[in-house]
């Protein structure tokens, strides 16, 4: 499937009735598993990319090159449209955000998000005018290139629970050219419903970040179009591994292996490496 075809499919998901779920694989293997389950689109996760490299998320530890290589591998793993968590665009200036979008297109992505968090361990969000200019530059870079841009307002992730300001930011990003709007961490369904009513573009929400958790139907009825799960499946996987290995040390038993997916079934979801990539 060409990028243009993937982009067309991705746009259709945002224009049809109801809401769709876009899970977040953190490598090629999880991308293939999620595609096999039946999802119609995927999104990368900066948290998953970070912890897979033994790094912390949200501290600017993951380089743009590493994140885009992770995205390239996920794109290559399936025929599904893939959108990327492009963090803060990997730089302060609008020009850097535009460059990041251009590089995202080159690795085969058909969507991606630019957030207004300032990046780094201190946290915080950009002043709204600069944040909108960063989105505007990203939108200009995406224009005509089969790329759906998401503008993210990060207030609720950085200790700024201001719904009015969050909506103003999303409206500014919409005006600047964002195709999808996203404010992770909204506190409840009423806040989600209010956001959806105050903007004119499709809204993404994240589930699995923290309670309360709502159903797809609940969110669709509130006006949500797209649902992602962020790093929650990564946390699930790591928690499962932590519990299983701790149990081995504690009891000397291997009960975790009861009921596992058979190896043949897992391998059946994967693919052979091209001959030119094999050693020997």
C-alpha atoms as a PDB file:
ATOM      1  CA  UNK A   1       0.000   0.000   0.000  1.00  0.00           C
ATOM      2  CA  UNK A   2       1.393   3.423  -0.943  1.00  0.00           C
ATOM      3  CA  UNK A   3       1.669   6.338   1.479  1.00  0.00           C
ATOM      4  CA  UNK A   4      -1.092   8.076  -0.460  1.00  0.00           C
ATOM      5  CA  UNK A   5      -3.375   5.066   0.039  1.00  0.00           C
ATOM      6  CA  UNK A   6      -2.509   4.851   3.724  1.00  0.00           C
ATOM      7  CA  UNK A   7      -3.191   8.562   4.108  1.00  0.00           C
ATOM      8  CA  UNK A   8      -6.555   8.225   2.370  1.00  0.00           C
ATOM      9  CA  UNK A   9      -7.493   5.372   4.702  1.00  0.00           C
ATOM     10  CA  UNK A  10      -6.372   7.376   7.731  1.00  0.00           C
ATOM     11  CA  UNK A  11      -8.476  10.370   6.673  1.00  0.00           C
ATOM     12  CA  UNK A  12     -11.500   8.116   6.165  1.00  0.00           C
ATOM     13  CA  UNK A  13     -11.196   6.853   9.737  1.00  0.00           C
ATOM     14  CA  UNK A  14     -11.433  10.456  10.941  1.00  0.00           C
ATOM     15  CA  UNK A  15     -14.468  11.261   8.789  1.00  0.00           C
ATOM     16  CA  UNK A  16     -16.700   8.243   9.365  1.00  0.00           C
ATOM     17  CA  UNK A  17     -19.249   7.990  12.153  1.00  0.00           C
ATOM     18  CA  UNK A  18     -18.218   6.948  15.634  1.00  0.00           C
ATOM     19  CA  UNK A  19     -14.789   6.727  17.222  1.00  0.00           C
ATOM     20  CA  UNK A  20     -11.879   4.451  16.377  1.00  0.00           C
ATOM     21  CA  UNK A  21      -9.077   3.124  18.575  1.00  0.00           C
ATOM     22  CA  UNK A  22      -5.490   3.603  17.476  1.00  0.00           C
ATOM     23  CA  UNK A  23      -3.207   1.560  19.788  1.00  0.00           C
ATOM     24  CA  UNK A  24       0.432   2.424  20.363  1.00  0.00           C
ATOM     25  CA  UNK A  25       3.001  -0.252  19.488  1.00  0.00           C
ATOM     26  CA  UNK A  26       6.553   0.356  20.627  1.00  0.00           C
ATOM     27  CA  UNK A  27       8.341  -1.830  18.099  1.00  0.00           C
ATOM     28  CA  UNK A  28       7.767  -3.776  14.879  1.00  0.00           C
ATOM     29  CA  UNK A  29       6.657  -6.930  16.712  1.00  0.00           C
ATOM     30  CA  UNK A  30       3.917  -5.220  18.701  1.00  0.00           C
ATOM     31  CA  UNK A  31       2.838  -3.404  15.530  1.00  0.00           C
ATOM     32  CA  UNK A  32       2.331  -6.737  13.785  1.00  0.00           C
ATOM     33  CA  UNK A  33       0.422  -8.143  16.759  1.00  0.00           C
ATOM     34  CA  UNK A  34      -1.941  -5.141  16.917  1.00  0.00           C
ATOM     35  CA  UNK A  35      -2.517  -5.315  13.170  1.00  0.00           C
ATOM     36  CA  UNK A  36      -3.363  -9.009  13.454  1.00  0.00           C
ATOM     37  CA  UNK A  37      -5.888  -8.268  16.202  1.00  0.00           C
ATOM     38  CA  UNK A  38      -7.723  -6.078  13.701  1.00  0.00           C
ATOM     39  CA  UNK A  39      -6.912  -2.448  14.451  1.00  0.00           C
ATOM     40  CA  UNK A  40      -7.091  -0.116  11.456  1.00  0.00           C
ATOM     41  CA  UNK A  41      -4.333   2.363  12.327  1.00  0.00           C
ATOM     42  CA  UNK A  42      -1.402   2.620  14.710  1.00  0.00           C
ATOM     43  CA  UNK A  43       0.475   5.329  16.572  1.00  0.00           C
ATOM     44  CA  UNK A  44       3.964   5.318  17.993  1.00  0.00           C
ATOM     45  CA  UNK A  45       4.595   6.039  21.654  1.00  0.00           C
ATOM     46  CA  UNK A  46       7.493   8.149  22.864  1.00  0.00           C
ATOM     47  CA  UNK A  47       7.269   6.370  26.228  1.00  0.00           C
ATOM     48  CA  UNK A  48       7.578   2.976  24.569  1.00  0.00           C
ATOM     49  CA  UNK A  49      10.479   4.127  22.418  1.00  0.00           C
ATOM     50  CA  UNK A  50      12.227   5.522  25.488  1.00  0.00           C
ATOM     51  CA  UNK A  51      11.866   2.557  27.834  1.00  0.00           C
ATOM     52  CA  UNK A  52      12.811   0.109  25.077  1.00  0.00           C
ATOM     53  CA  UNK A  53      16.142   1.928  25.028  1.00  0.00           C
ATOM     54  CA  UNK A  54      16.372   2.030  28.825  1.00  0.00           C
ATOM     55  CA  UNK A  55      15.641   5.762  28.888  1.00  0.00           C
ATOM     56  CA  UNK A  56      13.087   7.918  30.676  1.00  0.00           C
ATOM     57  CA  UNK A  57      10.307   9.492  28.682  1.00  0.00           C
ATOM     58  CA  UNK A  58       9.670  13.224  28.855  1.00  0.00           C
ATOM     59  CA  UNK A  59      13.232  14.253  29.672  1.00  0.00           C
ATOM     60  CA  UNK A  60      14.489  14.863  26.115  1.00  0.00           C
ATOM     61  CA  UNK A  61      16.551  11.674  26.445  1.00  0.00           C
ATOM     62  CA  UNK A  62      15.285  10.179  23.171  1.00  0.00           C
ATOM     63  CA  UNK A  63      16.830  11.799  20.119  1.00  0.00           C
ATOM     64  CA  UNK A  64      14.879  12.619  17.001  1.00  0.00           C
ATOM     65  CA  UNK A  65      16.953  10.107  15.050  1.00  0.00           C
ATOM     66  CA  UNK A  66      16.144   7.293  17.491  1.00  0.00           C
ATOM     67  CA  UNK A  67      12.445   8.129  17.570  1.00  0.00           C
ATOM     68  CA  UNK A  68      12.179   8.294  13.781  1.00  0.00           C
ATOM     69  CA  UNK A  69      14.084   5.030  13.365  1.00  0.00           C
ATOM     70  CA  UNK A  70      11.615   3.396  15.753  1.00  0.00           C
ATOM     71  CA  UNK A  71       8.776   4.861  13.673  1.00  0.00           C
ATOM     72  CA  UNK A  72      10.372   3.628  10.437  1.00  0.00           C
ATOM     73  CA  UNK A  73      10.474   0.060  11.784  1.00  0.00           C
ATOM     74  CA  UNK A  74       6.832   0.244  12.872  1.00  0.00           C
ATOM     75  CA  UNK A  75       5.776   1.635   9.483  1.00  0.00           C
ATOM     76  CA  UNK A  76       7.616  -1.184   7.712  1.00  0.00           C
ATOM     77  CA  UNK A  77       6.018  -3.860   9.881  1.00  0.00           C
ATOM     78  CA  UNK A  78       2.429  -3.520   8.610  1.00  0.00           C
ATOM     79  CA  UNK A  79       0.309  -2.024   5.818  1.00  0.00           C
ATOM     80  CA  UNK A  80      -1.604   0.125   8.321  1.00  0.00           C
ATOM     81  CA  UNK A  81      -1.450   3.920   8.514  1.00  0.00           C
ATOM     82  CA  UNK A  82       0.940   5.014  11.268  1.00  0.00           C
ATOM     83  CA  UNK A  83       0.934   8.321  13.109  1.00  0.00           C
ATOM     84  CA  UNK A  84       3.809   9.341  15.374  1.00  0.00           C
ATOM     85  CA  UNK A  85       4.272  10.987  18.720  1.00  0.00           C
ATOM     86  CA  UNK A  86       6.792  13.620  17.625  1.00  0.00           C
ATOM     87  CA  UNK A  87       7.023  15.089  21.112  1.00  0.00           C
ATOM     88  CA  UNK A  88       7.816  18.836  21.087  1.00  0.00           C
ATOM     89  CA  UNK A  89       9.082  18.751  17.508  1.00  0.00           C
ATOM     90  CA  UNK A  90      12.625  18.315  18.849  1.00  0.00           C
ATOM     91  CA  UNK A  91      13.372  21.993  19.047  1.00  0.00           C
ATOM     92  CA  UNK A  92      12.113  25.377  20.138  1.00  0.00           C
ATOM     93  CA  UNK A  93      11.762  27.076  16.794  1.00  0.00           C
ATOM     94  CA  UNK A  94       8.936  26.706  14.277  1.00  0.00           C
ATOM     95  CA  UNK A  95      11.564  25.896  11.665  1.00  0.00           C
ATOM     96  CA  UNK A  96      12.738  22.869  13.644  1.00  0.00           C
ATOM     97  CA  UNK A  97       9.152  21.616  13.998  1.00  0.00           C
ATOM     98  CA  UNK A  98       8.732  21.916  10.217  1.00  0.00           C
ATOM     99  CA  UNK A  99      11.966  20.004   9.663  1.00  0.00           C
ATOM    100  CA  UNK A 100      10.742  17.237  11.985  1.00  0.00           C
ATOM    101  CA  UNK A 101       7.542  16.881   9.930  1.00  0.00           C
ATOM    102  CA  UNK A 102       9.555  16.643   6.716  1.00  0.00           C
ATOM    103  CA  UNK A 103      11.690  13.894   8.248  1.00  0.00           C
ATOM    104  CA  UNK A 104       8.576  12.092   9.510  1.00  0.00           C
ATOM    105  CA  UNK A 105       7.201  12.035   5.967  1.00  0.00           C
ATOM    106  CA  UNK A 106      10.450  10.511   4.737  1.00  0.00           C
ATOM    107  CA  UNK A 107      10.167   7.506   7.074  1.00  0.00           C
ATOM    108  CA  UNK A 108       6.662   6.738   5.783  1.00  0.00           C
ATOM    109  CA  UNK A 109       4.454   8.217   8.493  1.00  0.00           C
ATOM    110  CA  UNK A 110       1.052   9.593   7.479  1.00  0.00           C
ATOM    111  CA  UNK A 111       0.466  11.549  10.663  1.00  0.00           C
ATOM    112  CA  UNK A 112       2.119  12.955  13.724  1.00  0.00           C
ATOM    113  CA  UNK A 113       1.685  15.310  16.655  1.00  0.00           C
ATOM    114  CA  UNK A 114       3.470  18.447  17.810  1.00  0.00           C
ATOM    115  CA  UNK A 115       2.974  19.270  21.480  1.00  0.00           C
ATOM    116  CA  UNK A 116       3.307  22.566  23.300  1.00  0.00           C
ATOM    117  CA  UNK A 117       5.343  21.178  26.206  1.00  0.00           C
ATOM    118  CA  UNK A 118       8.731  22.809  26.522  1.00  0.00           C
ATOM    119  CA  UNK A 119      10.553  19.481  26.884  1.00  0.00           C
ATOM    120  CA  UNK A 120      13.253  18.574  29.365  1.00  0.00           C
ATOM    121  CA  UNK A 121      13.065  17.663  33.057  1.00  0.00           C
ATOM    122  CA  UNK A 122      11.658  21.019  34.224  1.00  0.00           C
ATOM    123  CA  UNK A 123       8.448  20.689  32.200  1.00  0.00           C
ATOM    124  CA  UNK A 124       6.095  23.531  31.386  1.00  0.00           C
ATOM    125  CA  UNK A 125       4.330  24.677  28.214  1.00  0.00           C
ATOM    126  CA  UNK A 126       5.153  27.285  25.602  1.00  0.00           C
ATOM    127  CA  UNK A 127       3.428  30.647  25.492  1.00  0.00           C
ATOM    128  CA  UNK A 128       0.360  30.230  23.289  1.00  0.00           C
ATOM    129  CA  UNK A 129       1.479  32.485  20.423  1.00  0.00           C
ATOM    130  CA  UNK A 130       4.773  30.640  19.993  1.00  0.00           C
ATOM    131  CA  UNK A 131       3.032  27.280  20.361  1.00  0.00           C
ATOM    132  CA  UNK A 132       0.612  28.211  17.567  1.00  0.00           C
ATOM    133  CA  UNK A 133       3.454  29.366  15.318  1.00  0.00           C
ATOM    134  CA  UNK A 134       5.158  26.016  15.829  1.00  0.00           C
ATOM    135  CA  UNK A 135       1.966  24.226  14.769  1.00  0.00           C
ATOM    136  CA  UNK A 136       1.575  26.599  11.806  1.00  0.00           C
ATOM    137  CA  UNK A 137       5.084  25.806  10.572  1.00  0.00           C
ATOM    138  CA  UNK A 138       4.439  22.075  10.974  1.00  0.00           C
ATOM    139  CA  UNK A 139       1.160  22.394   9.059  1.00  0.00           C
ATOM    140  CA  UNK A 140       2.894  24.223   6.220  1.00  0.00           C
ATOM    141  CA  UNK A 141       5.516  21.462   6.051  1.00  0.00           C
ATOM    142  CA  UNK A 142       2.768  18.818   5.967  1.00  0.00           C
ATOM    143  CA  UNK A 143       0.707  20.530   3.260  1.00  0.00           C
ATOM    144  CA  UNK A 144       0.294  18.370   0.159  1.00  0.00           C
ATOM    145  CA  UNK A 145       2.464  15.596   1.609  1.00  0.00           C
ATOM    146  CA  UNK A 146      -0.170  13.078   2.760  1.00  0.00           C
ATOM    147  CA  UNK A 147       0.284  13.867   6.437  1.00  0.00           C
ATOM    148  CA  UNK A 148      -2.376  14.458   9.108  1.00  0.00           C
ATOM    149  CA  UNK A 149      -1.074  16.873  11.737  1.00  0.00           C
ATOM    150  CA  UNK A 150      -2.195  16.717  15.374  1.00  0.00           C
ATOM    151  CA  UNK A 151      -1.813  19.729  17.654  1.00  0.00           C
ATOM    152  CA  UNK A 152      -1.385  18.795  21.329  1.00  0.00           C
ATOM    153  CA  UNK A 153      -2.120  20.964  24.368  1.00  0.00           C
ATOM    154  CA  UNK A 154      -0.162  19.574  27.312  1.00  0.00           C
ATOM    155  CA  UNK A 155      -1.532  21.635  30.223  1.00  0.00           C
ATOM    156  CA  UNK A 156      -2.958  18.698  32.154  1.00  0.00           C
ATOM    157  CA  UNK A 157       0.259  16.694  31.955  1.00  0.00           C
ATOM    158  CA  UNK A 158       2.314  19.541  33.424  1.00  0.00           C
ATOM    159  CA  UNK A 159       0.269  20.591  36.437  1.00  0.00           C
ATOM    160  CA  UNK A 160      -1.817  23.235  34.653  1.00  0.00           C
ATOM    161  CA  UNK A 161      -5.441  22.023  34.996  1.00  0.00           C
ATOM    162  CA  UNK A 162      -6.902  25.001  33.143  1.00  0.00           C
ATOM    163  CA  UNK A 163      -9.673  23.898  30.786  1.00  0.00           C
ATOM    164  CA  UNK A 164     -10.312  27.391  29.431  1.00  0.00           C
ATOM    165  CA  UNK A 165      -6.666  27.845  28.458  1.00  0.00           C
ATOM    166  CA  UNK A 166      -6.502  24.316  27.050  1.00  0.00           C
ATOM    167  CA  UNK A 167      -9.476  25.014  24.780  1.00  0.00           C
ATOM    168  CA  UNK A 168      -7.971  28.344  23.708  1.00  0.00           C
ATOM    169  CA  UNK A 169      -4.775  26.540  22.786  1.00  0.00           C
ATOM    170  CA  UNK A 170      -6.581  23.869  20.790  1.00  0.00           C
ATOM    171  CA  UNK A 171      -8.560  26.554  18.953  1.00  0.00           C
ATOM    172  CA  UNK A 172      -5.317  28.364  18.152  1.00  0.00           C
ATOM    173  CA  UNK A 173      -3.777  25.154  16.818  1.00  0.00           C
ATOM    174  CA  UNK A 174      -6.882  24.518  14.736  1.00  0.00           C
ATOM    175  CA  UNK A 175      -6.599  27.991  13.252  1.00  0.00           C
ATOM    176  CA  UNK A 176      -2.898  27.366  12.622  1.00  0.00           C
ATOM    177  CA  UNK A 177      -3.691  24.329  10.478  1.00  0.00           C
ATOM    178  CA  UNK A 178      -3.799  21.265  12.740  1.00  0.00           C
ATOM    179  CA  UNK A 179      -6.033  18.498  11.355  1.00  0.00           C
ATOM    180  CA  UNK A 180      -6.629  16.772  14.714  1.00  0.00           C
ATOM    181  CA  UNK A 181      -6.641  18.204  18.235  1.00  0.00           C
ATOM    182  CA  UNK A 182      -5.482  16.480  21.396  1.00  0.00           C
ATOM    183  CA  UNK A 183      -5.311  17.439  25.071  1.00  0.00           C
ATOM    184  CA  UNK A 184      -4.020  14.430  27.016  1.00  0.00           C
ATOM    185  CA  UNK A 185      -5.045  14.050  30.641  1.00  0.00           C
ATOM    186  CA  UNK A 186      -8.447  15.752  30.580  1.00  0.00           C
ATOM    187  CA  UNK A 187     -10.012  15.050  33.987  1.00  0.00           C
ATOM    188  CA  UNK A 188     -13.444  13.674  33.128  1.00  0.00           C
ATOM    189  CA  UNK A 189     -16.049  13.037  30.469  1.00  0.00           C
ATOM    190  CA  UNK A 190     -17.612  16.466  30.919  1.00  0.00           C
ATOM    191  CA  UNK A 191     -14.287  18.153  30.144  1.00  0.00           C
ATOM    192  CA  UNK A 192     -13.855  15.900  27.102  1.00  0.00           C
ATOM    193  CA  UNK A 193     -17.369  16.730  25.938  1.00  0.00           C
ATOM    194  CA  UNK A 194     -16.694  20.458  26.370  1.00  0.00           C
ATOM    195  CA  UNK A 195     -13.475  20.284  24.344  1.00  0.00           C
ATOM    196  CA  UNK A 196     -15.196  18.424  21.524  1.00  0.00           C
ATOM    197  CA  UNK A 197     -17.976  21.016  21.426  1.00  0.00           C
ATOM    198  CA  UNK A 198     -15.574  23.978  21.340  1.00  0.00           C
ATOM    199  CA  UNK A 199     -13.391  22.914  18.397  1.00  0.00           C
ATOM    200  CA  UNK A 200     -14.145  22.112  14.786  1.00  0.00           C
ATOM    201  CA  UNK A 201     -11.611  19.381  14.081  1.00  0.00           C
ATOM    202  CA  UNK A 202     -11.541  15.711  15.172  1.00  0.00           C
ATOM    203  CA  UNK A 203     -10.462  15.217  18.776  1.00  0.00           C
ATOM    204  CA  UNK A 204      -8.100  12.525  20.039  1.00  0.00           C
ATOM    205  CA  UNK A 205      -8.173  11.386  23.664  1.00  0.00           C
ATOM    206  CA  UNK A 206      -5.922   8.951  25.482  1.00  0.00           C
ATOM    207  CA  UNK A 207      -7.212   6.115  27.638  1.00  0.00           C
ATOM    208  CA  UNK A 208      -5.076   4.124  30.048  1.00  0.00           C
ATOM    209  CA  UNK A 209      -3.126   7.147  31.257  1.00  0.00           C
ATOM    210  CA  UNK A 210      -4.974   7.410  34.560  1.00  0.00           C
ATOM    211  CA  UNK A 211      -8.572   6.865  35.808  1.00  0.00           C
ATOM    212  CA  UNK A 212     -11.366   7.418  35.056  1.00  0.00           C
ATOM    213  CA  UNK A 213     -11.499   5.084  32.059  1.00  0.00           C
ATOM    214  CA  UNK A 214     -14.381   5.404  29.620  1.00  0.00           C
ATOM    215  CA  UNK A 215     -15.617   3.037  26.931  1.00  0.00           C
ATOM    216  CA  UNK A 216     -15.341   3.673  23.217  1.00  0.00           C
ATOM    217  CA  UNK A 217     -19.094   4.248  23.173  1.00  0.00           C
ATOM    218  CA  UNK A 218     -18.911   6.762  26.037  1.00  0.00           C
ATOM    219  CA  UNK A 219     -16.217   8.708  24.233  1.00  0.00           C
ATOM    220  CA  UNK A 220     -17.911   8.578  20.853  1.00  0.00           C
ATOM    221  CA  UNK A 221     -21.108   9.932  22.386  1.00  0.00           C
ATOM    222  CA  UNK A 222     -19.056  12.776  23.905  1.00  0.00           C
ATOM    223  CA  UNK A 223     -17.825  13.696  20.428  1.00  0.00           C
ATOM    224  CA  UNK A 224     -14.405  12.013  20.392  1.00  0.00           C
ATOM    225  CA  UNK A 225     -13.218  10.716  17.042  1.00  0.00           C
ATOM    226  CA  UNK A 226      -9.909   9.008  17.846  1.00  0.00           C
ATOM    227  CA  UNK A 227      -8.725   7.105  20.928  1.00  0.00           C
ATOM    228  CA  UNK A 228      -5.104   6.225  21.613  1.00  0.00           C
ATOM    229  CA  UNK A 229      -3.617   4.411  24.607  1.00  0.00           C
ATOM    230  CA  UNK A 230      -0.233   6.109  24.896  1.00  0.00           C
ATOM    231  CA  UNK A 231       2.307   4.159  26.891  1.00  0.00           C
ATOM    232  CA  UNK A 232      -0.274   2.166  28.868  1.00  0.00           C
ATOM    233  CA  UNK A 233       0.293  -1.087  26.955  1.00  0.00           C
ATOM    234  CA  UNK A 234       4.040  -0.690  27.465  1.00  0.00           C
ATOM    235  CA  UNK A 235       3.421  -0.375  31.201  1.00  0.00           C
ATOM    236  CA  UNK A 236       1.195  -3.454  31.068  1.00  0.00           C
ATOM    237  CA  UNK A 237       3.923  -5.468  29.350  1.00  0.00           C
ATOM    238  CA  UNK A 238       6.640  -4.360  31.746  1.00  0.00           C
ATOM    239  CA  UNK A 239       4.446  -4.954  34.790  1.00  0.00           C
ATOM    240  CA  UNK A 240       3.701  -8.491  33.559  1.00  0.00           C
ATOM    241  CA  UNK A 241       7.409  -9.168  33.091  1.00  0.00           C
ATOM    242  CA  UNK A 242       8.255  -7.698  36.471  1.00  0.00           C
ATOM    243  CA  UNK A 243       5.690  -9.853  38.258  1.00  0.00           C
ATOM    244  CA  UNK A 244       6.703 -13.037  36.419  1.00  0.00           C
ATOM    245  CA  UNK A 245      10.429 -12.650  37.042  1.00  0.00           C
ATOM    246  CA  UNK A 246       9.914 -11.608  40.674  1.00  0.00           C
ATOM    247  CA  UNK A 247       7.797 -14.730  41.173  1.00  0.00           C
ATOM    248  CA  UNK A 248      10.616 -16.906  39.794  1.00  0.00           C
ATOM    249  CA  UNK A 249      13.032 -15.456  42.343  1.00  0.00           C
ATOM    250  CA  UNK A 250      10.541 -15.648  45.188  1.00  0.00           C
ATOM    251  CA  UNK A 251       9.225 -19.188  44.657  1.00  0.00           C
ATOM    252  CA  UNK A 252      11.610 -20.861  42.236  1.00  0.00           C
ATOM    253  CA  UNK A 253       8.597 -21.780  40.122  1.00  0.00           C
ATOM    254  CA  UNK A 254       7.669 -20.951  36.527  1.00  0.00           C
ATOM    255  CA  UNK A 255       3.899 -20.799  36.816  1.00  0.00           C
ATOM    256  CA  UNK A 256       3.838 -17.688  34.632  1.00  0.00           C
ATOM    257  CA  UNK A 257       4.239 -19.971  31.616  1.00  0.00           C
ATOM    258  CA  UNK A 258       0.819 -21.550  32.122  1.00  0.00           C
ATOM    259  CA  UNK A 259      -1.526 -20.443  29.359  1.00  0.00           C
ATOM    260  CA  UNK A 260       1.020 -18.467  27.369  1.00  0.00           C
ATOM    261  CA  UNK A 261       0.519 -17.836  23.671  1.00  0.00           C
ATOM    262  CA  UNK A 262       2.204 -20.774  21.895  1.00  0.00           C
ATOM    263  CA  UNK A 263       5.519 -19.930  20.297  1.00  0.00           C
ATOM    264  CA  UNK A 264       4.260 -21.081  16.908  1.00  0.00           C
ATOM    265  CA  UNK A 265       1.318 -18.683  17.143  1.00  0.00           C
ATOM    266  CA  UNK A 266       3.582 -15.763  18.014  1.00  0.00           C
ATOM    267  CA  UNK A 267       6.050 -16.599  15.259  1.00  0.00           C
ATOM    268  CA  UNK A 268       3.129 -16.884  12.857  1.00  0.00           C
ATOM    269  CA  UNK A 269       2.473 -13.181  13.402  1.00  0.00           C
ATOM    270  CA  UNK A 270       6.017 -12.262  12.441  1.00  0.00           C
ATOM    271  CA  UNK A 271       7.807 -12.432   9.116  1.00  0.00           C
ATOM    272  CA  UNK A 272      11.122 -13.707   7.808  1.00  0.00           C
ATOM    273  CA  UNK A 273      13.927 -11.231   7.357  1.00  0.00           C
ATOM    274  CA  UNK A 274      14.904 -10.612   3.725  1.00  0.00           C
ATOM    275  CA  UNK A 275      17.818 -12.775   2.709  1.00  0.00           C
ATOM    276  CA  UNK A 276      20.110  -9.776   2.339  1.00  0.00           C
ATOM    277  CA  UNK A 277      19.595  -8.916   6.031  1.00  0.00           C
ATOM    278  CA  UNK A 278      20.608 -12.326   7.361  1.00  0.00           C
ATOM    279  CA  UNK A 279      24.020 -13.032   8.784  1.00  0.00           C
ATOM    280  CA  UNK A 280      26.289 -15.571   7.154  1.00  0.00           C
END
